[in-house]
C-alpha atoms as a PDB file:
ATOM      1  CA  MET A   1     -21.405  16.813 -26.554  1.00  0.00           C
ATOM      2  CA  LYS A   2     -18.972  17.139 -23.652  1.00  0.00           C
ATOM      3  CA  LYS A   3     -17.379  14.165 -24.874  1.00  0.00           C
ATOM      4  CA  ALA A   4     -16.601  15.950 -28.092  1.00  0.00           C
ATOM      5  CA  ILE A   5     -15.206  19.109 -26.920  1.00  0.00           C
ATOM      6  CA  ILE A   6     -12.930  17.223 -24.498  1.00  0.00           C
ATOM      7  CA  ALA A   7     -11.892  14.978 -27.537  1.00  0.00           C
ATOM      8  CA  ALA A   8     -11.132  17.942 -29.671  1.00  0.00           C
ATOM      9  CA  ALA A   9      -8.922  19.600 -26.645  1.00  0.00           C
ATOM     10  CA  VAL A  10      -6.778  16.383 -25.994  1.00  0.00           C
ATOM     11  CA  PHE A  11      -6.214  16.219 -29.946  1.00  0.00           C
ATOM     12  CA  GLY A  12      -5.532  19.864 -30.256  1.00  0.00           C
ATOM     13  CA  PHE A  13      -3.162  19.409 -27.445  1.00  0.00           C
ATOM     14  CA  LEU A  14      -1.490  16.445 -28.964  1.00  0.00           C
ATOM     15  CA  GLY A  15      -1.200  18.176 -32.327  1.00  0.00           C
ATOM     16  CA  ALA A  16       0.324  21.359 -31.082  1.00  0.00           C
ATOM     17  CA  SER A  17       3.186  19.071 -29.372  1.00  0.00           C
ATOM     18  CA  SER A  18       6.349  18.489 -31.404  1.00  0.00           C
ATOM     19  CA  GLN A  19       7.320  15.107 -32.680  1.00  0.00           C
ATOM     20  CA  ALA A  20       9.603  14.299 -30.094  1.00  0.00           C
ATOM     21  CA  GLN A  21       7.050  14.852 -27.062  1.00  0.00           C
ATOM     22  CA  ALA A  22       4.292  12.989 -29.420  1.00  0.00           C
ATOM     23  CA  ILE A  23       5.881   9.726 -29.422  1.00  0.00           C
ATOM     24  CA  GLY A  24       5.766   8.691 -25.834  1.00  0.00           C
ATOM     25  CA  CYS A  25       2.545  10.544 -25.295  1.00  0.00           C
ATOM     26  CA  LEU A  26       0.626   8.736 -28.203  1.00  0.00           C
ATOM     27  CA  SER A  27       1.419   5.331 -26.976  1.00  0.00           C
ATOM     28  CA  GLY A  28       1.467   6.096 -23.339  1.00  0.00           C
ATOM     29  CA  GLY A  29      -2.289   7.653 -24.201  1.00  0.00           C
ATOM     30  CA  VAL A  30      -3.712   4.833 -25.863  1.00  0.00           C
ATOM     31  CA  ALA A  31      -2.678   2.638 -22.929  1.00  0.00           C
ATOM     32  CA  GLY A  32      -3.915   4.846 -20.527  1.00  0.00           C
ATOM     33  CA  GLY A  33      -7.150   5.366 -22.264  1.00  0.00           C
ATOM     34  CA  VAL A  34      -7.671   1.782 -22.558  1.00  0.00           C
ATOM     35  CA  ALA A  35      -7.074   1.019 -18.951  1.00  0.00           C
ATOM     36  CA  GLY A  36      -9.053   4.028 -17.902  1.00  0.00           C
ATOM     37  CA  HIS A  37     -11.998   2.865 -19.833  1.00  0.00           C
ATOM     38  CA  TYR A  38     -12.210  -0.647 -18.183  1.00  0.00           C
ATOM     39  CA  ALA A  39     -11.541   1.130 -14.727  1.00  0.00           C
ATOM     40  CA  GLY A  40     -14.855   2.833 -14.618  1.00  0.00           C
ATOM     41  CA  HIS A  41     -15.270   4.892 -17.889  1.00  0.00           C
ATOM     42  CA  HIS A  42     -12.525   7.144 -17.178  1.00  0.00           C
ATOM     43  CA  THR A  43     -11.206   7.145 -20.927  1.00  0.00           C
ATOM     44  CA  VAL A  44     -10.027  11.087 -20.963  1.00  0.00           C
ATOM     45  CA  LEU A  45      -8.588  10.953 -17.443  1.00  0.00           C
ATOM     46  CA  GLY A  46      -6.652   7.585 -18.266  1.00  0.00           C
ATOM     47  CA  ALA A  47      -5.553   8.849 -21.556  1.00  0.00           C
ATOM     48  CA  LEU A  48      -4.145  11.985 -20.088  1.00  0.00           C
ATOM     49  CA  GLY A  49      -2.208  10.408 -17.555  1.00  0.00           C
ATOM     50  CA  GLY A  50      -1.132   7.911 -19.755  1.00  0.00           C
ATOM     51  CA  CYS A  51       0.213  10.679 -21.984  1.00  0.00           C
ATOM     52  CA  VAL A  52       2.307  12.113 -19.102  1.00  0.00           C
ATOM     53  CA  VAL A  53       3.585   8.953 -18.228  1.00  0.00           C
ATOM     54  CA  GLY A  54       4.560   7.636 -21.682  1.00  0.00           C
ATOM     55  CA  HIS A  55       6.368  11.171 -22.158  1.00  0.00           C
ATOM     56  CA  GLN A  56       8.449  10.799 -19.073  1.00  0.00           C
ATOM     57  CA  LEU A  57       9.328   7.525 -19.872  1.00  0.00           C
ATOM     58  CA  HIS A  58      10.065   8.251 -23.620  1.00  0.00           C
ATOM     59  CA  LYS A  59      12.644  10.861 -22.426  1.00  0.00           C
ATOM     60  CA  LYS A  60      14.162   8.388 -19.860  1.00  0.00           C
ATOM     61  CA  GLN A  61      14.767   5.857 -22.859  1.00  0.00           C
ATOM     62  CA  LYS A  62      16.204   8.477 -24.879  1.00  0.00           C
ATOM     63  CA  ARG A  63      18.380   9.831 -22.430  1.00  0.00           C
ATOM     64  CA  LYS A  64      19.797   6.219 -21.527  1.00  0.00           C
ATOM     65  CA  LYS A  65      20.435   5.305 -25.119  1.00  0.00           C
ATOM     66  CA  GLN A  66      22.256   8.845 -25.560  1.00  0.00           C
ATOM     67  CA  GLN A  67      24.597   8.065 -22.687  1.00  0.00           C
ATOM     68  CA  LEU A  68      25.023   4.524 -23.783  1.00  0.00           C
ATOM     69  CA  GLU A  69      26.170   6.097 -27.547  1.00  0.00           C
ATOM     70  CA  GLN A  70      28.444   8.353 -25.706  1.00  0.00           C
ATOM     71  CA  GLN A  71      30.183   5.641 -23.583  1.00  0.00           C
ATOM     72  CA  GLN A  72      30.890   3.581 -26.737  1.00  0.00           C
ATOM     73  CA  ALA A  73      32.143   6.720 -28.712  1.00  0.00           C
ATOM     74  CA  LEU A  74      34.827   7.187 -26.233  1.00  0.00           C
ATOM     75  CA  PRO A  75      38.286   5.305 -26.846  1.00  0.00           C
ATOM     76  CA  PRO A  76      39.168   2.792 -24.263  1.00  0.00           C
ATOM     77  CA  GLN A  77      41.507   4.382 -21.499  1.00  0.00           C
ATOM     78  CA  PRO A  78      44.745   2.275 -21.348  1.00  0.00           C
ATOM     79  CA  ALA A  79      45.170   0.515 -17.724  1.00  0.00           C
ATOM     80  CA  VAL A  80      47.770   2.369 -15.309  1.00  0.00           C
ATOM     81  CA  LYS A  81      49.872   0.055 -13.280  1.00  0.00           C
ATOM     82  CA  LYS A  82      50.396   1.378  -9.988  1.00  0.00           C
ATOM     83  CA  PRO A  83      54.020   1.296  -8.567  1.00  0.00           C
ATOM     84  CA  THR A  84      54.469  -1.238  -6.014  1.00  0.00           C
ATOM     85  CA  ALA A  85      56.410  -0.246  -2.753  1.00  0.00           C
ATOM     86  CA  GLN A  86      59.500  -2.620  -2.346  1.00  0.00           C
END
């Protein structure tokens, strides 16, 4: 019964989050749940930790992708020659 309540709370939390937040959370939660299960039957704890870590990694990856796209969108700057002293 306790596991059913915890599972319902976790899925309710995941359902309430937006799609962008759920991407990293779901993949991290699955990996964390499996790792937690094999590390001493702490599946729910592992899933919650994996959700947090997965969300953070997804945000970081998304931020890097946006920066790369912005850099590629900028036109190349012409090289400026410095005058040499004679």
